[in-house]
PDB file of N, CA and C in Angstrom:
ATOM      1  N   MET A   1     -73.197  51.706 184.394  1.00  0.00           N
ATOM      2  CA  MET A   1     -72.952  51.870 183.185  1.00  0.00           C
ATOM      3  C   MET A   1     -73.446  50.661 182.044  1.00  0.00           C
ATOM      4  N   ARG A   2     -73.792  51.388 180.871  1.00  0.00           N
ATOM      5  CA  ARG A   2     -74.245  50.385 179.963  1.00  0.00           C
ATOM      6  C   ARG A   2     -73.546  50.789 178.327  1.00  0.00           C
ATOM      7  N   ILE A   3     -73.513  50.148 177.622  1.00  0.00           N
ATOM      8  CA  ILE A   3     -73.428  50.744 176.019  1.00  0.00           C
ATOM      9  C   ILE A   3     -74.896  51.014 175.760  1.00  0.00           C
ATOM     10  N   GLU A   4     -75.109  52.201 175.281  1.00  0.00           N
ATOM     11  CA  GLU A   4     -76.233  52.614 174.832  1.00  0.00           C
ATOM     12  C   GLU A   4     -76.699  51.936 173.105  1.00  0.00           C
ATOM     13  N   HIS A   5     -75.603  52.087 172.265  1.00  0.00           N
ATOM     14  CA  HIS A   5     -75.770  51.510 170.934  1.00  0.00           C
ATOM     15  C   HIS A   5     -74.632  51.634 170.272  1.00  0.00           C
ATOM     16  N   VAL A   6     -74.072  50.660 169.243  1.00  0.00           N
ATOM     17  CA  VAL A   6     -73.338  50.554 168.492  1.00  0.00           C
ATOM     18  C   VAL A   6     -73.762  51.018 167.207  1.00  0.00           C
ATOM     19  N   ALA A   7     -72.771  51.548 166.537  1.00  0.00           N
ATOM     20  CA  ALA A   7     -72.999  51.974 164.882  1.00  0.00           C
ATOM     21  C   ALA A   7     -72.269  51.357 163.959  1.00  0.00           C
ATOM     22  N   ILE A   8     -72.567  51.078 162.856  1.00  0.00           N
ATOM     23  CA  ILE A   8     -71.859  50.749 161.672  1.00  0.00           C
ATOM     24  C   ILE A   8     -72.218  51.198 160.414  1.00  0.00           C
ATOM     25  N   TRP A   9     -71.207  51.793 159.502  1.00  0.00           N
ATOM     26  CA  TRP A   9     -71.568  52.476 158.105  1.00  0.00           C
ATOM     27  C   TRP A   9     -71.860  51.339 157.073  1.00  0.00           C
ATOM     28  N   VAL A  10     -72.642  51.437 156.329  1.00  0.00           N
ATOM     29  CA  VAL A  10     -73.432  50.534 155.599  1.00  0.00           C
ATOM     30  C   VAL A  10     -73.567  51.044 154.178  1.00  0.00           C
ATOM     31  N   SER A  11     -73.316  50.275 153.003  1.00  0.00           N
ATOM     32  CA  SER A  11     -73.354  50.913 151.660  1.00  0.00           C
ATOM     33  C   SER A  11     -74.813  50.793 151.319  1.00  0.00           C
ATOM     34  N   ASN A  12     -75.833  49.689 151.559  1.00  0.00           N
ATOM     35  CA  ASN A  12     -77.020  49.753 151.321  1.00  0.00           C
ATOM     36  C   ASN A  12     -78.261  49.610 152.462  1.00  0.00           C
ATOM     37  N   LEU A  13     -78.483  50.632 152.957  1.00  0.00           N
ATOM     38  CA  LEU A  13     -79.140  51.141 154.081  1.00  0.00           C
ATOM     39  C   LEU A  13     -80.395  49.954 154.274  1.00  0.00           C
ATOM     40  N   GLU A  14     -81.442  49.867 152.951  1.00  0.00           N
ATOM     41  CA  GLU A  14     -82.680  49.196 153.158  1.00  0.00           C
ATOM     42  C   GLU A  14     -82.331  47.733 153.158  1.00  0.00           C
ATOM     43  N   SER A  15     -81.206  47.191 152.702  1.00  0.00           N
ATOM     44  CA  SER A  15     -81.163  46.032 152.764  1.00  0.00           C
ATOM     45  C   SER A  15     -80.581  45.448 154.077  1.00  0.00           C
ATOM     46  N   MET A  16     -79.613  46.142 154.532  1.00  0.00           N
ATOM     47  CA  MET A  16     -79.055  45.963 155.933  1.00  0.00           C
ATOM     48  C   MET A  16     -80.342  46.074 157.087  1.00  0.00           C
ATOM     49  N   LYS A  17     -81.152  46.903 156.992  1.00  0.00           N
ATOM     50  CA  LYS A  17     -82.146  46.937 157.670  1.00  0.00           C
ATOM     51  C   LYS A  17     -83.124  45.772 157.635  1.00  0.00           C
ATOM     52  N   GLU A  18     -83.290  45.392 156.481  1.00  0.00           N
ATOM     53  CA  GLU A  18     -84.165  44.307 156.211  1.00  0.00           C
ATOM     54  C   GLU A  18     -83.440  42.879 156.894  1.00  0.00           C
ATOM     55  N   PHE A  19     -82.011  42.871 156.555  1.00  0.00           N
ATOM     56  CA  PHE A  19     -81.516  41.678 157.166  1.00  0.00           C
ATOM     57  C   PHE A  19     -81.331  41.531 158.902  1.00  0.00           C
ATOM     58  N   TYR A  20     -81.471  42.554 159.456  1.00  0.00           N
ATOM     59  CA  TYR A  20     -81.494  42.696 161.071  1.00  0.00           C
ATOM     60  C   TYR A  20     -82.924  42.699 161.392  1.00  0.00           C
ATOM     61  N   GLU A  21     -83.911  42.985 160.876  1.00  0.00           N
ATOM     62  CA  GLU A  21     -85.116  42.462 160.972  1.00  0.00           C
ATOM     63  C   GLU A  21     -85.693  41.130 160.780  1.00  0.00           C
ATOM     64  N   THR A  22     -84.905  40.883 159.696  1.00  0.00           N
ATOM     65  CA  THR A  22     -85.497  39.498 159.311  1.00  0.00           C
ATOM     66  C   THR A  22     -84.897  38.043 159.989  1.00  0.00           C
ATOM     67  N   TYR A  23     -83.789  38.369 160.409  1.00  0.00           N
ATOM     68  CA  TYR A  23     -82.659  37.286 161.068  1.00  0.00           C
ATOM     69  C   TYR A  23     -82.623  37.665 162.549  1.00  0.00           C
ATOM     70  N   PHE A  24     -82.679  38.757 163.006  1.00  0.00           N
ATOM     71  CA  PHE A  24     -82.460  39.132 164.580  1.00  0.00           C
ATOM     72  C   PHE A  24     -83.512  39.852 165.026  1.00  0.00           C
ATOM     73  N   LYS A  25     -84.664  40.058 164.408  1.00  0.00           N
ATOM     74  CA  LYS A  25     -85.824  40.414 165.143  1.00  0.00           C
ATOM     75  C   LYS A  25     -85.770  41.909 165.404  1.00  0.00           C
ATOM     76  N   GLY A  26     -84.865  42.516 164.817  1.00  0.00           N
ATOM     77  CA  GLY A  26     -84.611  44.240 165.089  1.00  0.00           C
ATOM     78  C   GLY A  26     -85.853  44.870 164.942  1.00  0.00           C
ATOM     79  N   LYS A  27     -86.105  45.633 165.465  1.00  0.00           N
ATOM     80  CA  LYS A  27     -87.349  46.696 165.112  1.00  0.00           C
ATOM     81  C   LYS A  27     -86.822  48.095 164.856  1.00  0.00           C
ATOM     82  N   ALA A  28     -86.875  48.483 163.809  1.00  0.00           N
ATOM     83  CA  ALA A  28     -86.296  50.056 163.232  1.00  0.00           C
ATOM     84  C   ALA A  28     -87.344  51.169 163.497  1.00  0.00           C
ATOM     85  N   ASN A  29     -86.594  52.310 163.936  1.00  0.00           N
ATOM     86  CA  ASN A  29     -87.570  53.431 163.900  1.00  0.00           C
ATOM     87  C   ASN A  29     -87.527  53.726 162.539  1.00  0.00           C
ATOM     88  N   GLN A  30     -88.262  55.247 162.273  1.00  0.00           N
ATOM     89  CA  GLN A  30     -88.350  55.641 161.086  1.00  0.00           C
ATOM     90  C   GLN A  30     -86.847  56.222 160.789  1.00  0.00           C
ATOM     91  N   LYS A  31     -86.753  56.231 159.308  1.00  0.00           N
ATOM     92  CA  LYS A  31     -85.329  56.452 158.891  1.00  0.00           C
ATOM     93  C   LYS A  31     -84.943  58.039 159.070  1.00  0.00           C
ATOM     94  N   TYR A  32     -83.927  58.427 159.534  1.00  0.00           N
ATOM     95  CA  TYR A  32     -83.433  59.652 159.648  1.00  0.00           C
ATOM     96  C   TYR A  32     -82.773  60.232 158.427  1.00  0.00           C
ATOM     97  N   HIS A  33     -83.070  61.276 157.977  1.00  0.00           N
ATOM     98  CA  HIS A  33     -82.441  61.879 156.747  1.00  0.00           C
ATOM     99  C   HIS A  33     -81.941  63.162 156.739  1.00  0.00           C
ATOM    100  N   ASN A  34     -80.673  63.310 156.790  1.00  0.00           N
ATOM    101  CA  ASN A  34     -80.203  64.755 156.555  1.00  0.00           C
ATOM    102  C   ASN A  34     -79.583  65.259 155.369  1.00  0.00           C
ATOM    103  N   LYS A  35     -80.448  65.644 154.602  1.00  0.00           N
ATOM    104  CA  LYS A  35     -80.062  65.998 153.120  1.00  0.00           C
ATOM    105  C   LYS A  35     -79.001  66.797 153.108  1.00  0.00           C
ATOM    106  N   GLU A  36     -78.751  67.719 153.850  1.00  0.00           N
ATOM    107  CA  GLU A  36     -77.523  68.716 153.663  1.00  0.00           C
ATOM    108  C   GLU A  36     -76.203  67.942 153.864  1.00  0.00           C
ATOM    109  N   LYS A  37     -76.086  66.944 154.741  1.00  0.00           N
ATOM    110  CA  LYS A  37     -75.202  66.145 154.867  1.00  0.00           C
ATOM    111  C   LYS A  37     -74.936  65.152 154.034  1.00  0.00           C
ATOM    112  N   GLY A  38     -76.214  64.245 153.447  1.00  0.00           N
ATOM    113  CA  GLY A  38     -75.990  63.335 152.632  1.00  0.00           C
ATOM    114  C   GLY A  38     -76.088  62.235 153.631  1.00  0.00           C
ATOM    115  N   PHE A  39     -76.928  62.284 154.648  1.00  0.00           N
ATOM    116  CA  PHE A  39     -76.637  61.244 155.595  1.00  0.00           C
ATOM    117  C   PHE A  39     -78.079  60.488 156.081  1.00  0.00           C
ATOM    118  N   GLU A  40     -77.946  59.269 156.293  1.00  0.00           N
ATOM    119  CA  GLU A  40     -79.171  58.689 156.474  1.00  0.00           C
ATOM    120  C   GLU A  40     -78.886  57.343 157.449  1.00  0.00           C
ATOM    121  N   SER A  41     -79.916  57.101 158.436  1.00  0.00           N
ATOM    122  CA  SER A  41     -79.571  56.242 159.647  1.00  0.00           C
ATOM    123  C   SER A  41     -80.948  55.487 159.945  1.00  0.00           C
ATOM    124  N   TYR A  42     -80.837  54.338 160.384  1.00  0.00           N
ATOM    125  CA  TYR A  42     -81.992  53.690 161.132  1.00  0.00           C
ATOM    126  C   TYR A  42     -81.508  53.226 162.523  1.00  0.00           C
ATOM    127  N   PHE A  43     -82.120  53.219 163.698  1.00  0.00           N
ATOM    128  CA  PHE A  43     -81.956  52.672 164.918  1.00  0.00           C
ATOM    129  C   PHE A  43     -82.618  51.401 165.059  1.00  0.00           C
ATOM    130  N   LEU A  44     -81.997  50.152 165.217  1.00  0.00           N
ATOM    131  CA  LEU A  44     -82.627  48.802 164.936  1.00  0.00           C
ATOM    132  C   LEU A  44     -82.691  48.459 166.869  1.00  0.00           C
ATOM    133  N   ARG A  45     -83.928  48.249 167.397  1.00  0.00           N
ATOM    134  CA  ARG A  45     -84.081  47.841 168.671  1.00  0.00           C
ATOM    135  C   ARG A  45     -84.190  46.455 168.609  1.00  0.00           C
ATOM    136  N   PHE A  46     -83.480  45.582 169.584  1.00  0.00           N
ATOM    137  CA  PHE A  46     -83.661  44.130 169.821  1.00  0.00           C
ATOM    138  C   PHE A  46     -84.277  43.811 170.942  1.00  0.00           C
ATOM    139  N   GLU A  47     -84.771  42.593 171.266  1.00  0.00           N
ATOM    140  CA  GLU A  47     -85.613  42.085 172.397  1.00  0.00           C
ATOM    141  C   GLU A  47     -84.898  42.516 173.767  1.00  0.00           C
ATOM    142  N   SER A  48     -83.464  42.497 173.476  1.00  0.00           N
ATOM    143  CA  SER A  48     -82.981  42.819 174.862  1.00  0.00           C
ATOM    144  C   SER A  48     -82.926  44.139 175.301  1.00  0.00           C
ATOM    145  N   GLY A  49     -83.202  44.928 174.476  1.00  0.00           N
ATOM    146  CA  GLY A  49     -83.034  46.637 174.439  1.00  0.00           C
ATOM    147  C   GLY A  49     -81.842  47.076 173.963  1.00  0.00           C
ATOM    148  N   THR A  50     -80.810  46.338 173.641  1.00  0.00           N
ATOM    149  CA  THR A  50     -79.680  46.757 172.811  1.00  0.00           C
ATOM    150  C   THR A  50     -80.029  47.143 171.634  1.00  0.00           C
ATOM    151  N   ARG A  51     -79.389  48.313 170.917  1.00  0.00           N
ATOM    152  CA  ARG A  51     -79.675  49.118 169.750  1.00  0.00           C
ATOM    153  C   ARG A  51     -78.260  49.083 168.933  1.00  0.00           C
ATOM    154  N   LEU A  52     -78.784  48.717 167.544  1.00  0.00           N
ATOM    155  CA  LEU A  52     -77.744  49.038 166.651  1.00  0.00           C
ATOM    156  C   LEU A  52     -78.128  50.161 165.672  1.00  0.00           C
ATOM    157  N   GLU A  53     -77.119  51.088 165.532  1.00  0.00           N
ATOM    158  CA  GLU A  53     -77.483  52.328 164.395  1.00  0.00           C
ATOM    159  C   GLU A  53     -76.758  51.726 163.108  1.00  0.00           C
ATOM    160  N   ILE A  54     -77.444  51.747 162.071  1.00  0.00           N
ATOM    161  CA  ILE A  54     -76.870  51.420 160.670  1.00  0.00           C
ATOM    162  C   ILE A  54     -77.068  52.730 160.061  1.00  0.00           C
ATOM    163  N   MET A  55     -75.850  53.132 159.278  1.00  0.00           N
ATOM    164  CA  MET A  55     -75.875  54.732 158.775  1.00  0.00           C
ATOM    165  C   MET A  55     -75.284  54.523 157.461  1.00  0.00           C
ATOM    166  N   ARG A  56     -75.636  55.370 156.639  1.00  0.00           N
ATOM    167  CA  ARG A  56     -75.143  55.701 155.181  1.00  0.00           C
ATOM    168  C   ARG A  56     -75.019  57.217 154.923  1.00  0.00           C
ATOM    169  N   ARG A  57     -73.831  57.472 154.105  1.00  0.00           N
ATOM    170  CA  ARG A  57     -73.474  58.723 154.314  1.00  0.00           C
ATOM    171  C   ARG A  57     -72.634  58.937 152.564  1.00  0.00           C
ATOM    172  N   ILE A  58     -73.381  60.058 151.982  1.00  0.00           N
ATOM    173  CA  ILE A  58     -72.348  60.029 150.636  1.00  0.00           C
ATOM    174  C   ILE A  58     -71.037  60.263 150.931  1.00  0.00           C
ATOM    175  N   GLY A  59     -70.135  59.744 149.984  1.00  0.00           N
ATOM    176  CA  GLY A  59     -68.852  59.861 150.332  1.00  0.00           C
ATOM    177  C   GLY A  59     -68.238  58.471 151.272  1.00  0.00           C
ATOM    178  N   ILE A  60     -68.838  57.994 151.675  1.00  0.00           N
ATOM    179  CA  ILE A  60     -68.251  56.805 152.572  1.00  0.00           C
ATOM    180  C   ILE A  60     -68.827  55.565 151.710  1.00  0.00           C
ATOM    181  N   ASN A  61     -67.769  54.871 151.103  1.00  0.00           N
ATOM    182  CA  ASN A  61     -68.435  53.811 150.212  1.00  0.00           C
ATOM    183  C   ASN A  61     -67.024  52.806 149.938  1.00  0.00           C
ATOM    184  N   GLU A  62     -65.763  53.063 150.875  1.00  0.00           N
ATOM    185  CA  GLU A  62     -64.736  51.845 150.624  1.00  0.00           C
ATOM    186  C   GLU A  62     -64.832  51.229 151.980  1.00  0.00           C
ATOM    187  N   LYS A  63     -64.991  50.071 151.621  1.00  0.00           N
ATOM    188  CA  LYS A  63     -64.626  49.160 152.869  1.00  0.00           C
ATOM    189  C   LYS A  63     -63.100  48.680 153.282  1.00  0.00           C
ATOM    190  N   ASN A  64     -63.087  48.686 154.606  1.00  0.00           N
ATOM    191  CA  ASN A  64     -61.600  48.278 155.172  1.00  0.00           C
ATOM    192  C   ASN A  64     -61.155  47.133 154.617  1.00  0.00           C
ATOM    193  N   SER A  65     -60.319  46.626 154.236  1.00  0.00           N
ATOM    194  CA  SER A  65     -59.874  45.235 153.597  1.00  0.00           C
ATOM    195  C   SER A  65     -59.219  44.567 154.996  1.00  0.00           C
ATOM    196  N   ASP A  66     -59.816  43.143 154.652  1.00  0.00           N
ATOM    197  CA  ASP A  66     -59.217  42.397 155.449  1.00  0.00           C
ATOM    198  C   ASP A  66     -59.209  42.734 157.017  1.00  0.00           C
ATOM    199  N   GLU A  67     -58.165  41.925 157.909  1.00  0.00           N
ATOM    200  CA  GLU A  67     -58.447  42.082 159.141  1.00  0.00           C
ATOM    201  C   GLU A  67     -57.560  43.331 159.755  1.00  0.00           C
ATOM    202  N   MET A  68     -57.801  44.175 160.617  1.00  0.00           N
ATOM    203  CA  MET A  68     -57.225  45.511 160.970  1.00  0.00           C
ATOM    204  C   MET A  68     -57.657  45.528 162.441  1.00  0.00           C
ATOM    205  N   LEU A  69     -57.081  46.443 163.004  1.00  0.00           N
ATOM    206  CA  LEU A  69     -57.146  47.057 164.398  1.00  0.00           C
ATOM    207  C   LEU A  69     -58.471  47.515 164.557  1.00  0.00           C
ATOM    208  N   GLY A  70     -59.176  47.469 165.705  1.00  0.00           N
ATOM    209  CA  GLY A  70     -60.803  48.064 165.617  1.00  0.00           C
ATOM    210  C   GLY A  70     -61.837  47.156 165.874  1.00  0.00           C
ATOM    211  N   TRP A  71     -63.049  47.574 165.703  1.00  0.00           N
ATOM    212  CA  TRP A  71     -63.926  46.426 166.077  1.00  0.00           C
ATOM    213  C   TRP A  71     -63.896  45.151 165.097  1.00  0.00           C
ATOM    214  N   ALA A  72     -64.065  43.929 165.684  1.00  0.00           N
ATOM    215  CA  ALA A  72     -64.117  42.787 164.823  1.00  0.00           C
ATOM    216  C   ALA A  72     -65.182  42.069 164.348  1.00  0.00           C
ATOM    217  N   HIS A  73     -66.370  42.406 165.230  1.00  0.00           N
ATOM    218  CA  HIS A  73     -67.560  41.454 165.195  1.00  0.00           C
ATOM    219  C   HIS A  73     -68.459  42.064 166.053  1.00  0.00           C
ATOM    220  N   ILE A  74     -69.848  41.572 165.515  1.00  0.00           N
ATOM    221  CA  ILE A  74     -70.853  41.699 166.528  1.00  0.00           C
ATOM    222  C   ILE A  74     -71.355  40.480 166.989  1.00  0.00           C
ATOM    223  N   ALA A  75     -71.989  39.999 168.081  1.00  0.00           N
ATOM    224  CA  ALA A  75     -72.319  38.812 168.744  1.00  0.00           C
ATOM    225  C   ALA A  75     -73.786  38.730 169.177  1.00  0.00           C
ATOM    226  N   PHE A  76     -74.370  37.956 168.933  1.00  0.00           N
ATOM    227  CA  PHE A  76     -75.830  38.089 169.181  1.00  0.00           C
ATOM    228  C   PHE A  76     -75.890  36.391 170.046  1.00  0.00           C
ATOM    229  N   SER A  77     -76.631  36.607 171.148  1.00  0.00           N
ATOM    230  CA  SER A  77     -76.689  35.437 172.141  1.00  0.00           C
ATOM    231  C   SER A  77     -78.199  34.935 171.718  1.00  0.00           C
ATOM    232  N   LEU A  78     -78.151  33.799 171.223  1.00  0.00           N
ATOM    233  CA  LEU A  78     -79.417  33.085 170.743  1.00  0.00           C
ATOM    234  C   LEU A  78     -80.012  32.466 171.849  1.00  0.00           C
ATOM    235  N   GLY A  79     -79.435  31.916 173.090  1.00  0.00           N
ATOM    236  CA  GLY A  79     -80.142  31.280 174.153  1.00  0.00           C
ATOM    237  C   GLY A  79     -79.906  29.683 173.952  1.00  0.00           C
ATOM    238  N   SER A  80     -79.434  29.051 172.835  1.00  0.00           N
ATOM    239  CA  SER A  80     -79.243  27.687 173.044  1.00  0.00           C
ATOM    240  C   SER A  80     -78.476  27.310 171.777  1.00  0.00           C
ATOM    241  N   LYS A  81     -77.584  26.108 171.899  1.00  0.00           N
ATOM    242  CA  LYS A  81     -76.897  25.601 170.917  1.00  0.00           C
ATOM    243  C   LYS A  81     -77.722  25.219 169.288  1.00  0.00           C
ATOM    244  N   GLU A  82     -79.162  24.696 169.904  1.00  0.00           N
ATOM    245  CA  GLU A  82     -79.995  24.467 168.973  1.00  0.00           C
ATOM    246  C   GLU A  82     -80.460  25.670 167.999  1.00  0.00           C
ATOM    247  N   ALA A  83     -80.764  26.726 168.802  1.00  0.00           N
ATOM    248  CA  ALA A  83     -80.817  27.988 168.092  1.00  0.00           C
ATOM    249  C   ALA A  83     -79.821  28.485 167.048  1.00  0.00           C
ATOM    250  N   VAL A  84     -78.800  28.446 167.578  1.00  0.00           N
ATOM    251  CA  VAL A  84     -77.341  28.723 166.902  1.00  0.00           C
ATOM    252  C   VAL A  84     -77.322  28.019 165.496  1.00  0.00           C
ATOM    253  N   ASP A  85     -77.679  26.605 165.767  1.00  0.00           N
ATOM    254  CA  ASP A  85     -77.469  25.726 164.647  1.00  0.00           C
ATOM    255  C   ASP A  85     -78.554  25.981 163.633  1.00  0.00           C
ATOM    256  N   GLU A  86     -79.797  26.394 164.214  1.00  0.00           N
ATOM    257  CA  GLU A  86     -80.700  26.547 163.304  1.00  0.00           C
ATOM    258  C   GLU A  86     -80.612  27.846 162.661  1.00  0.00           C
ATOM    259  N   LEU A  87     -80.357  29.055 163.287  1.00  0.00           N
ATOM    260  CA  LEU A  87     -80.407  30.391 162.514  1.00  0.00           C
ATOM    261  C   LEU A  87     -78.852  30.157 161.670  1.00  0.00           C
ATOM    262  N   THR A  88     -77.858  29.380 161.758  1.00  0.00           N
ATOM    263  CA  THR A  88     -76.649  29.149 161.146  1.00  0.00           C
ATOM    264  C   THR A  88     -76.975  28.383 159.520  1.00  0.00           C
ATOM    265  N   THR A  89     -77.940  27.588 160.007  1.00  0.00           N
ATOM    266  CA  THR A  89     -78.418  26.686 158.962  1.00  0.00           C
ATOM    267  C   THR A  89     -79.355  27.486 157.761  1.00  0.00           C
ATOM    268  N   LYS A  90     -80.359  28.461 158.423  1.00  0.00           N
ATOM    269  CA  LYS A  90     -80.847  29.337 157.529  1.00  0.00           C
ATOM    270  C   LYS A  90     -80.104  30.372 157.012  1.00  0.00           C
ATOM    271  N   LEU A  91     -79.269  31.028 157.659  1.00  0.00           N
ATOM    272  CA  LEU A  91     -78.440  31.844 157.038  1.00  0.00           C
ATOM    273  C   LEU A  91     -77.628  31.456 155.861  1.00  0.00           C
ATOM    274  N   LYS A  92     -76.965  30.068 156.152  1.00  0.00           N
ATOM    275  CA  LYS A  92     -76.326  29.406 154.724  1.00  0.00           C
ATOM    276  C   LYS A  92     -77.339  29.138 153.900  1.00  0.00           C
ATOM    277  N   MET A  93     -78.239  28.638 154.013  1.00  0.00           N
ATOM    278  CA  MET A  93     -79.396  28.463 153.106  1.00  0.00           C
ATOM    279  C   MET A  93     -79.984  29.543 151.995  1.00  0.00           C
ATOM    280  N   ASP A  94     -79.925  30.571 152.819  1.00  0.00           N
ATOM    281  CA  ASP A  94     -80.218  32.138 152.380  1.00  0.00           C
ATOM    282  C   ASP A  94     -79.172  32.735 151.523  1.00  0.00           C
ATOM    283  N   GLY A  95     -77.912  31.752 151.642  1.00  0.00           N
ATOM    284  CA  GLY A  95     -76.712  32.515 150.893  1.00  0.00           C
ATOM    285  C   GLY A  95     -75.854  33.410 151.545  1.00  0.00           C
ATOM    286  N   TYR A  96     -75.953  33.406 152.641  1.00  0.00           N
ATOM    287  CA  TYR A  96     -74.919  34.036 153.533  1.00  0.00           C
ATOM    288  C   TYR A  96     -73.810  33.357 153.729  1.00  0.00           C
ATOM    289  N   LYS A  97     -72.586  33.852 153.532  1.00  0.00           N
ATOM    290  CA  LYS A  97     -71.470  33.091 153.845  1.00  0.00           C
ATOM    291  C   LYS A  97     -71.055  32.821 155.396  1.00  0.00           C
ATOM    292  N   LEU A  98     -70.726  31.439 155.688  1.00  0.00           N
ATOM    293  CA  LEU A  98     -70.511  30.898 156.774  1.00  0.00           C
ATOM    294  C   LEU A  98     -68.755  30.905 156.998  1.00  0.00           C
ATOM    295  N   VAL A  99     -68.615  31.583 157.842  1.00  0.00           N
ATOM    296  CA  VAL A  99     -66.956  31.704 158.016  1.00  0.00           C
ATOM    297  C   VAL A  99     -66.406  30.652 158.840  1.00  0.00           C
ATOM    298  N   ASN A 100     -66.907  29.977 160.057  1.00  0.00           N
ATOM    299  CA  ASN A 100     -66.692  28.999 160.758  1.00  0.00           C
ATOM    300  C   ASN A 100     -67.685  28.584 161.616  1.00  0.00           C
ATOM    301  N   GLY A 101     -67.692  27.291 161.988  1.00  0.00           N
ATOM    302  CA  GLY A 101     -68.754  26.811 163.284  1.00  0.00           C
ATOM    303  C   GLY A 101     -70.139  26.096 162.599  1.00  0.00           C
ATOM    304  N   PRO A 102     -71.018  26.013 163.181  1.00  0.00           N
ATOM    305  CA  PRO A 102     -70.798  25.926 164.587  1.00  0.00           C
ATOM    306  C   PRO A 102     -69.899  25.121 165.150  1.00  0.00           C
ATOM    307  N   ARG A 103     -69.466  25.679 166.139  1.00  0.00           N
ATOM    308  CA  ARG A 103     -68.306  24.799 167.083  1.00  0.00           C
ATOM    309  C   ARG A 103     -68.390  25.308 168.474  1.00  0.00           C
ATOM    310  N   THR A 104     -67.598  24.497 169.280  1.00  0.00           N
ATOM    311  CA  THR A 104     -67.203  24.989 170.814  1.00  0.00           C
ATOM    312  C   THR A 104     -65.675  25.597 170.630  1.00  0.00           C
ATOM    313  N   THR A 105     -65.526  26.672 171.063  1.00  0.00           N
ATOM    314  CA  THR A 105     -64.360  27.159 170.974  1.00  0.00           C
ATOM    315  C   THR A 105     -63.284  26.732 172.067  1.00  0.00           C
ATOM    316  N   GLY A 106     -62.086  27.072 172.047  1.00  0.00           N
ATOM    317  CA  GLY A 106     -61.115  26.688 173.174  1.00  0.00           C
ATOM    318  C   GLY A 106     -61.707  26.971 174.565  1.00  0.00           C
ATOM    319  N   ASP A 107     -62.253  28.538 174.676  1.00  0.00           N
ATOM    320  CA  ASP A 107     -62.557  28.984 175.708  1.00  0.00           C
ATOM    321  C   ASP A 107     -64.098  28.686 176.158  1.00  0.00           C
ATOM    322  N   GLY A 108     -64.717  27.673 175.453  1.00  0.00           N
ATOM    323  CA  GLY A 108     -65.746  27.119 175.865  1.00  0.00           C
ATOM    324  C   GLY A 108     -66.843  27.645 175.254  1.00  0.00           C
ATOM    325  N   TYR A 109     -67.188  28.712 174.397  1.00  0.00           N
ATOM    326  CA  TYR A 109     -68.335  28.899 173.619  1.00  0.00           C
ATOM    327  C   TYR A 109     -68.806  28.272 172.771  1.00  0.00           C
ATOM    328  N   TYR A 110     -70.015  28.169 172.185  1.00  0.00           N
ATOM    329  CA  TYR A 110     -70.794  27.494 171.191  1.00  0.00           C
ATOM    330  C   TYR A 110     -71.145  28.823 170.585  1.00  0.00           C
ATOM    331  N   GLU A 111     -70.378  28.511 169.334  1.00  0.00           N
ATOM    332  CA  GLU A 111     -70.753  29.649 168.217  1.00  0.00           C
ATOM    333  C   GLU A 111     -70.784  29.325 166.626  1.00  0.00           C
ATOM    334  N   SER A 112     -71.137  30.348 165.830  1.00  0.00           N
ATOM    335  CA  SER A 112     -70.652  30.239 164.760  1.00  0.00           C
ATOM    336  C   SER A 112     -70.384  31.762 164.169  1.00  0.00           C
ATOM    337  N   VAL A 113     -69.990  31.662 162.692  1.00  0.00           N
ATOM    338  CA  VAL A 113     -69.562  33.019 162.762  1.00  0.00           C
ATOM    339  C   VAL A 113     -70.000  33.118 160.955  1.00  0.00           C
ATOM    340  N   ILE A 114     -70.938  34.006 160.763  1.00  0.00           N
ATOM    341  CA  ILE A 114     -71.403  34.117 159.346  1.00  0.00           C
ATOM    342  C   ILE A 114     -71.044  35.766 158.908  1.00  0.00           C
ATOM    343  N   GLU A 115     -71.088  36.277 157.785  1.00  0.00           N
ATOM    344  CA  GLU A 115     -70.984  37.446 157.006  1.00  0.00           C
ATOM    345  C   GLU A 115     -72.413  38.094 156.870  1.00  0.00           C
ATOM    346  N   ASP A 116     -72.801  39.171 156.875  1.00  0.00           N
ATOM    347  CA  ASP A 116     -73.587  39.831 156.533  1.00  0.00           C
ATOM    348  C   ASP A 116     -73.715  39.945 154.922  1.00  0.00           C
ATOM    349  N   SER A 117     -74.544  40.613 154.396  1.00  0.00           N
ATOM    350  CA  SER A 117     -74.712  40.857 152.785  1.00  0.00           C
ATOM    351  C   SER A 117     -73.331  41.939 152.521  1.00  0.00           C
ATOM    352  N   GLU A 118     -72.864  42.455 153.494  1.00  0.00           N
ATOM    353  CA  GLU A 118     -71.714  43.504 153.126  1.00  0.00           C
ATOM    354  C   GLU A 118     -70.336  43.065 153.603  1.00  0.00           C
ATOM    355  N   GLY A 119     -70.208  41.919 153.931  1.00  0.00           N
ATOM    356  CA  GLY A 119     -69.133  41.184 154.490  1.00  0.00           C
ATOM    357  C   GLY A 119     -68.529  41.499 156.145  1.00  0.00           C
ATOM    358  N   ASN A 120     -69.601  41.970 156.732  1.00  0.00           N
ATOM    359  CA  ASN A 120     -69.312  42.343 158.323  1.00  0.00           C
ATOM    360  C   ASN A 120     -69.507  40.962 159.102  1.00  0.00           C
ATOM    361  N   LEU A 121     -68.808  40.628 159.985  1.00  0.00           N
ATOM    362  CA  LEU A 121     -68.916  39.383 160.877  1.00  0.00           C
ATOM    363  C   LEU A 121     -69.915  39.609 162.043  1.00  0.00           C
ATOM    364  N   ILE A 122     -70.434  38.440 161.801  1.00  0.00           N
ATOM    365  CA  ILE A 122     -71.720  38.263 163.139  1.00  0.00           C
ATOM    366  C   ILE A 122     -71.590  36.920 163.438  1.00  0.00           C
ATOM    367  N   GLU A 123     -71.370  37.060 165.045  1.00  0.00           N
ATOM    368  CA  GLU A 123     -71.238  35.819 165.781  1.00  0.00           C
ATOM    369  C   GLU A 123     -72.699  35.608 166.413  1.00  0.00           C
ATOM    370  N   LEU A 124     -72.655  34.192 165.942  1.00  0.00           N
ATOM    371  CA  LEU A 124     -73.886  33.595 166.832  1.00  0.00           C
ATOM    372  C   LEU A 124     -73.450  32.472 167.886  1.00  0.00           C
ATOM    373  N   THR A 125     -74.128  32.978 169.143  1.00  0.00           N
ATOM    374  CA  THR A 125     -73.527  32.141 170.347  1.00  0.00           C
ATOM    375  C   THR A 125     -74.910  32.163 171.145  1.00  0.00           C
ATOM    376  N   VAL A 126     -74.705  30.976 172.295  1.00  0.00           N
ATOM    377  CA  VAL A 126     -75.361  30.637 173.101  1.00  0.00           C
ATOM    378  C   VAL A 126     -75.842  31.985 173.999  1.00  0.00           C
TER     379      VAL A 126
END
């Protein structure tokens, strides 16, 4: 068994597609658009084969506030501490908010956490 994909609601579909293509080498399929439901989405495939679906629908435009039960973040394994440091620096220089790190956590993970342009947490790890 494996996870086939995860999905996230976004407000700016094109901007989020560009974010994952630019910083995480995601490859998007053609946009799916269901005019009847006011729904649009892209599937982004990453080098590992993992897929992320980014979705937008008319009427979904409120973000949950602060911490809550449910999904907390998405993590990308970059392969080395140097790669974590490099991408963290690039994202910071490009104006994305660094939440914490780079650091070694209490359980031994080397990571940093950034927010994408919509405030979703992304963990960069080895």
